[in-house]
Amino acid sequence: MSNAFPQRGALAALAGTILIWAYSWVVMKQALTWAGPFDFAALRYLFGAAVLFAALLASRQSLRPPPLVDTVLIGLCQTAAFQGLEQWALVGGGAGHVALLAYSMPFWAVLLAWPLLGETPSARHWLGLALAAAGLLCILEPWHGLGSPVSTLLALAGGAAWAAGTVLSKRLFQRHAVSALALTGWQMLIGALALGLVALLVPSRPIAWNWAFAGALVYSAVMASSVAWGLWLVVLKRLPTTLASLSSLGVPVVSVLLAWLILDERPDAMEWLGIVLVLAGLMAVVGIGRRRAGRNA
């Protein structure tokens, strides 16, 4: 009974994280009405980094940056490339569709962890990759034409960049004692500055400043980039990693449902089959049977 309330709190935090991150894909799509993709992404992460640095000050943690080269690489992959490519993909693709392709990240992570971390894929990983490939094929439906091939490729490339940032972060944590909050803040700032440079170099229409755009920016910077990150830390601290990883797969599914409800992006039967196969593949990759095996040990 003593653990019941903390666990309930962690489950509530998990539900909040899924809803915040899922809705953020709809907000990212809507924000393109008022700003170019790189302008919005740069502003979002500049504000998000400011919130995280304020959290560092409030918690009396050091503002000293983690090892610089590693942090720069993580920022370029995890914030600049991932968010820039996904926001760009949303220009020509639906929010639910892009979110699903972005969450191909665990598959890329399995492949990248092989050379970078020495983690050889197991039979379970290869099964997951095969299921995911079949699912992506159903979602893309190449026999009907790729629709928006540029958006598809950008979203997949963004997922690969996210995976690279994840693997590089894990390697950094293995080599150095680094504050997760400090690393997140610094890599976010570096990525935001890189996105700002891209926004300056790529021509786009002027930002239409209004209350709707300001709301989208605040939601993305504060809720999706800061509050949800804090909730996720609670989840990882109080729930088994496997349970947390599996539950986070709800993000792209809820994104598809919200995009259907709010943006009228209705998935067809083949896309639903693809969603099921991708989720099955993700479950295989993260190891749905690990907790059960651990209990029986």
Protein backbone atom coordinates (compact mmCIF):
# COMPACT_ATOMS: atom_id res chain seq x y z
CA MET A 1 0.00 0.00 0.00
CA SER A 2 2.88 2.38 0.72
CA ASN A 3 3.90 2.28 -2.96
CA ALA A 4 0.36 2.68 -4.32
CA PHE A 5 0.21 6.48 -4.32
CA PRO A 6 3.67 7.05 -5.89
CA GLN A 7 2.82 4.52 -8.59
CA ARG A 8 -0.55 6.14 -9.25
CA GLY A 9 1.22 9.47 -9.51
CA ALA A 10 3.68 8.00 -12.01
CA LEU A 11 0.83 6.54 -14.08
CA ALA A 12 -0.91 9.94 -14.06
CA ALA A 13 2.38 11.55 -15.15
CA LEU A 14 2.67 8.97 -17.94
CA ALA A 15 -0.86 9.71 -19.17
CA GLY A 16 -0.11 13.44 -19.08
CA THR A 17 3.13 12.97 -21.00
CA ILE A 18 1.42 10.93 -23.74
CA LEU A 19 -1.39 13.49 -24.16
CA ILE A 20 0.96 16.51 -24.17
CA TRP A 21 3.37 15.00 -26.69
CA ALA A 22 0.58 13.60 -28.88
CA TYR A 23 -1.24 16.93 -29.08
CA SER A 24 2.03 18.73 -29.79
CA TRP A 25 2.09 17.18 -33.29
CA VAL A 26 -1.28 18.79 -34.02
CA VAL A 27 -0.01 22.12 -32.66
CA MET A 28 3.17 21.86 -34.78
CA LYS A 29 1.02 21.36 -37.88
CA GLN A 30 -1.27 24.28 -37.01
CA ALA A 31 1.69 26.58 -36.32
CA LEU A 32 2.68 26.37 -39.99
CA THR A 33 -0.34 28.59 -40.73
CA TRP A 34 1.53 31.51 -39.18
CA ALA A 35 5.26 30.74 -39.55
CA GLY A 36 7.80 28.85 -41.60
CA PRO A 37 8.93 25.47 -40.21
CA PHE A 38 12.43 26.54 -39.19
CA ASP A 39 11.31 29.85 -37.67
CA PHE A 40 8.82 28.06 -35.45
CA ALA A 41 11.22 25.26 -34.47
CA ALA A 42 13.98 27.75 -33.59
CA LEU A 43 11.68 29.94 -31.46
CA ARG A 44 10.15 26.91 -29.76
CA TYR A 45 13.49 25.54 -28.60
CA LEU A 46 14.98 28.90 -27.66
CA PHE A 47 12.05 29.41 -25.28
CA GLY A 48 12.20 25.78 -24.18
CA ALA A 49 15.91 26.08 -23.35
CA ALA A 50 15.21 29.25 -21.37
CA VAL A 51 12.64 27.36 -19.27
CA LEU A 52 15.13 24.55 -18.59
CA PHE A 53 17.90 26.97 -17.59
CA ALA A 54 15.43 28.64 -15.22
CA ALA A 55 14.75 25.17 -13.76
CA LEU A 56 18.51 24.67 -13.30
CA LEU A 57 18.76 27.94 -11.41
CA ALA A 58 15.68 27.16 -9.31
CA SER A 59 17.10 23.75 -8.34
CA ARG A 60 20.51 25.32 -7.66
CA GLN A 61 22.28 23.13 -10.18
CA SER A 62 25.39 24.22 -12.00
CA LEU A 63 24.99 26.02 -15.32
CA ARG A 64 28.30 24.60 -16.50
CA PRO A 65 27.85 22.82 -19.86
CA PRO A 66 28.51 19.05 -20.15
CA PRO A 67 31.46 17.89 -22.35
CA LEU A 68 31.16 20.31 -25.23
CA VAL A 69 31.84 18.20 -28.32
CA ASP A 70 29.39 15.49 -27.26
CA THR A 71 26.77 18.07 -26.27
CA VAL A 72 27.08 19.86 -29.62
CA LEU A 73 26.65 16.59 -31.52
CA ILE A 74 23.61 15.67 -29.43
CA GLY A 75 22.09 19.13 -29.92
CA LEU A 76 22.60 18.99 -33.69
CA CYS A 77 21.01 15.53 -33.90
CA GLN A 78 18.33 15.54 -31.21
CA THR A 79 17.06 19.11 -31.50
CA ALA A 80 18.24 20.70 -34.75
CA ALA A 81 17.98 17.76 -37.16
CA PHE A 82 15.12 15.86 -35.52
CA GLN A 83 12.83 18.82 -34.88
CA GLY A 84 13.83 20.72 -38.01
CA LEU A 85 13.20 17.75 -40.29
CA GLU A 86 9.92 16.79 -38.60
CA GLN A 87 8.60 20.36 -38.71
CA TRP A 88 9.60 20.54 -42.38
CA ALA A 89 7.88 17.18 -43.03
CA LEU A 90 4.65 18.62 -41.61
CA VAL A 91 4.57 21.20 -44.43
CA GLY A 92 3.51 18.49 -46.87
CA GLY A 93 2.41 15.67 -44.56
CA GLY A 94 -0.35 15.07 -42.03
CA ALA A 95 0.36 15.37 -38.31
CA GLY A 96 -0.56 11.76 -37.49
CA HIS A 97 1.35 10.38 -40.48
CA VAL A 98 4.52 12.32 -39.64
CA ALA A 99 4.30 11.41 -35.94
CA LEU A 100 4.12 7.71 -36.80
CA LEU A 101 7.19 7.92 -39.04
CA ALA A 102 9.08 9.95 -36.41
CA TYR A 103 8.49 7.14 -33.93
CA SER A 104 10.53 4.83 -36.14
CA MET A 105 13.30 6.12 -33.83
CA PRO A 106 13.69 2.91 -31.74
CA PHE A 107 14.42 0.90 -34.89
CA TRP A 108 17.16 3.30 -36.00
CA ALA A 109 18.49 3.30 -32.42
CA VAL A 110 18.89 -0.49 -32.50
CA LEU A 111 20.97 -0.23 -35.68
CA LEU A 112 23.06 2.74 -34.48
CA ALA A 113 23.73 1.23 -31.05
CA TRP A 114 25.44 -1.70 -32.79
CA PRO A 115 28.52 0.23 -34.05
CA LEU A 116 28.47 3.08 -31.50
CA LEU A 117 27.74 1.20 -28.26
CA GLY A 118 28.68 -2.34 -29.21
CA GLU A 119 25.11 -3.57 -28.58
CA THR A 120 24.55 -6.39 -31.08
CA PRO A 121 20.90 -6.74 -32.17
CA SER A 122 19.22 -9.92 -30.93
CA ALA A 123 16.70 -12.09 -32.74
CA ARG A 124 13.96 -10.11 -30.99
CA HIS A 125 15.36 -6.85 -32.41
CA TRP A 126 15.46 -8.25 -35.95
CA LEU A 127 11.86 -9.44 -35.57
CA GLY A 128 10.86 -5.94 -34.45
CA LEU A 129 12.64 -4.36 -37.41
CA ALA A 130 10.88 -6.74 -39.82
CA LEU A 131 7.45 -5.98 -38.32
CA ALA A 132 8.17 -2.25 -38.44
CA ALA A 133 9.28 -2.43 -42.07
CA ALA A 134 6.02 -4.21 -42.97
CA GLY A 135 4.05 -1.61 -41.00
CA LEU A 136 5.79 1.32 -42.69
CA LEU A 137 5.10 -0.29 -46.06
CA CYS A 138 1.37 -0.44 -45.20
CA ILE A 139 1.39 3.20 -44.03
CA LEU A 140 3.23 4.46 -47.12
CA GLU A 141 1.22 2.31 -49.60
CA PRO A 142 3.76 2.72 -52.43
CA TRP A 143 1.47 0.78 -54.78
CA HIS A 144 -0.79 3.87 -54.74
CA GLY A 145 2.11 6.28 -55.24
CA LEU A 146 4.01 7.83 -52.34
CA GLY A 147 1.71 10.86 -52.11
CA SER A 148 4.23 13.18 -50.54
CA PRO A 149 7.56 11.33 -50.82
CA VAL A 150 9.56 14.34 -49.62
CA SER A 151 7.53 14.56 -46.41
CA THR A 152 7.90 10.81 -45.87
CA LEU A 153 11.68 10.87 -46.32
CA LEU A 154 12.04 13.94 -44.09
CA ALA A 155 10.00 12.31 -41.30
CA LEU A 156 12.02 9.08 -41.48
CA ALA A 157 15.29 11.04 -41.53
CA GLY A 158 14.09 12.96 -38.48
CA GLY A 159 13.44 9.68 -36.67
CA ALA A 160 16.98 8.55 -37.54
CA ALA A 161 18.42 11.84 -36.24
CA TRP A 162 16.46 11.42 -32.99
CA ALA A 163 17.91 7.91 -32.66
CA ALA A 164 21.44 9.24 -33.21
CA GLY A 165 20.90 11.83 -30.47
CA THR A 166 19.55 9.14 -28.14
CA VAL A 167 22.52 6.81 -28.71
CA LEU A 168 25.02 9.67 -28.33
CA SER A 169 23.30 10.73 -25.08
CA LYS A 170 23.54 7.19 -23.73
CA ARG A 171 27.24 7.04 -24.62
CA LEU A 172 27.83 10.38 -22.86
CA PHE A 173 26.06 9.16 -19.71
CA GLN A 174 28.21 6.02 -19.76
CA ARG A 175 31.43 8.04 -19.95
CA HIS A 176 30.68 11.01 -17.70
CA ALA A 177 28.59 11.91 -14.64
CA VAL A 178 26.27 14.41 -16.31
CA SER A 179 23.08 16.07 -15.06
CA ALA A 180 20.17 15.08 -17.32
CA LEU A 181 18.61 18.52 -16.86
CA ALA A 182 21.85 20.34 -17.75
CA LEU A 183 22.43 18.16 -20.82
CA THR A 184 18.87 18.68 -22.03
CA GLY A 185 19.07 22.44 -21.58
CA TRP A 186 22.45 22.85 -23.26
CA GLN A 187 21.76 20.53 -26.19
CA MET A 188 18.40 22.26 -26.69
CA LEU A 189 20.07 25.68 -26.76
CA ILE A 190 22.72 24.51 -29.26
CA GLY A 191 20.07 22.91 -31.46
CA ALA A 192 17.90 26.05 -31.28
CA LEU A 193 20.82 28.25 -32.39
CA ALA A 194 21.49 25.91 -35.31
CA LEU A 195 17.80 26.04 -36.27
CA GLY A 196 17.91 29.83 -36.02
CA LEU A 197 20.82 29.91 -38.47
CA VAL A 198 18.89 27.67 -40.89
CA ALA A 199 15.84 29.94 -40.52
CA LEU A 200 17.97 32.96 -41.47
CA LEU A 201 19.41 31.20 -44.52
CA VAL A 202 16.18 29.62 -45.83
CA PRO A 203 13.68 32.13 -47.27
CA SER A 204 10.24 31.96 -45.67
CA ARG A 205 7.23 34.19 -45.19
CA PRO A 206 7.24 36.65 -42.26
CA ILE A 207 5.88 35.34 -38.96
CA ALA A 208 2.23 36.32 -38.46
CA TRP A 209 2.29 37.24 -34.78
CA ASN A 210 -1.13 36.73 -33.21
CA TRP A 211 -2.63 35.10 -30.12
CA ALA A 212 -3.09 31.75 -31.85
CA PHE A 213 0.57 31.60 -32.88
CA ALA A 214 1.68 32.75 -29.42
CA GLY A 215 -0.44 29.99 -27.87
CA ALA A 216 1.11 27.38 -30.18
CA LEU A 217 4.58 28.64 -29.28
CA VAL A 218 3.92 28.61 -25.53
CA TYR A 219 2.39 25.14 -25.67
CA SER A 220 5.28 23.73 -27.70
CA ALA A 221 8.03 25.44 -25.70
CA VAL A 222 6.64 25.11 -22.18
CA MET A 223 4.31 22.11 -22.21
CA ALA A 224 5.83 19.82 -24.86
CA SER A 225 9.50 20.74 -24.45
CA SER A 226 9.70 21.37 -20.70
CA VAL A 227 6.73 20.19 -18.60
CA ALA A 228 6.37 16.89 -20.45
CA TRP A 229 10.11 16.31 -20.09
CA GLY A 230 9.78 16.75 -16.31
CA LEU A 231 6.81 14.36 -16.19
CA TRP A 232 8.80 11.84 -18.21
CA LEU A 233 11.59 11.93 -15.62
CA VAL A 234 9.00 11.07 -12.94
CA VAL A 235 7.80 8.17 -15.09
CA LEU A 236 11.31 6.81 -15.64
CA LYS A 237 12.13 7.16 -11.94
CA ARG A 238 9.04 5.39 -10.58
CA LEU A 239 8.01 2.87 -13.25
CA PRO A 240 9.96 0.00 -14.85
CA THR A 241 11.81 1.13 -17.98
CA THR A 242 10.07 -1.46 -20.16
CA LEU A 243 6.61 -0.36 -19.02
CA ALA A 244 7.51 3.30 -19.62
CA SER A 245 8.96 2.56 -23.06
CA LEU A 246 5.97 0.49 -24.16
CA SER A 247 3.49 3.05 -22.85
CA SER A 248 5.22 5.88 -24.70
CA LEU A 249 4.21 4.12 -27.91
CA GLY A 250 0.79 5.57 -27.21
CA VAL A 251 2.08 8.96 -28.40
CA PRO A 252 1.94 8.31 -32.18
CA VAL A 253 -1.36 6.41 -31.83
CA VAL A 254 -3.00 9.24 -29.86
CA SER A 255 -1.50 11.69 -32.37
CA VAL A 256 -3.25 9.85 -35.20
CA LEU A 257 -6.56 9.96 -33.28
CA LEU A 258 -6.20 13.67 -32.43
CA ALA A 259 -5.25 14.53 -36.03
CA TRP A 260 -8.34 12.63 -37.15
CA LEU A 261 -10.53 14.51 -34.65
CA ILE A 262 -9.05 18.01 -35.00
CA LEU A 263 -7.49 18.14 -38.48
CA ASP A 264 -9.81 15.65 -40.22
CA GLU A 265 -6.86 13.40 -41.20
CA ARG A 266 -8.76 10.12 -41.45
CA PRO A 267 -6.53 6.98 -41.63
CA ASP A 268 -7.64 4.26 -44.07
CA ALA A 269 -7.74 0.53 -43.32
CA MET A 270 -4.21 -0.10 -44.62
CA GLU A 271 -2.81 2.68 -42.42
CA TRP A 272 -4.51 1.15 -39.37
CA LEU A 273 -2.88 -2.20 -40.23
CA GLY A 274 0.45 -0.38 -40.54
CA ILE A 275 -0.03 1.22 -37.11
CA VAL A 276 -0.68 -2.19 -35.54
CA LEU A 277 2.42 -3.70 -37.19
CA VAL A 278 4.64 -0.77 -36.19
CA LEU A 279 3.46 -0.97 -32.58
CA ALA A 280 4.05 -4.74 -32.59
CA GLY A 281 7.55 -4.12 -33.89
CA LEU A 282 8.24 -1.49 -31.24
CA MET A 283 7.05 -3.88 -28.54
CA ALA A 284 9.43 -6.51 -29.86
CA VAL A 285 12.35 -4.03 -29.91
CA VAL A 286 11.88 -2.81 -26.34
CA GLY A 287 11.14 -6.34 -25.08
CA ILE A 288 7.55 -6.81 -24.00
CA GLY A 289 8.47 -9.98 -22.13
CA ARG A 290 11.33 -8.56 -20.07
CA ARG A 291 9.30 -7.64 -16.99
CA ARG A 292 7.61 -11.03 -16.92
CA ALA A 293 10.99 -12.77 -17.25
CA GLY A 294 12.38 -10.59 -14.48
CA ARG A 295 9.55 -11.54 -12.18
CA ASN A 296 10.06 -15.24 -12.83
CA ALA A 297 13.83 -15.07 -12.21
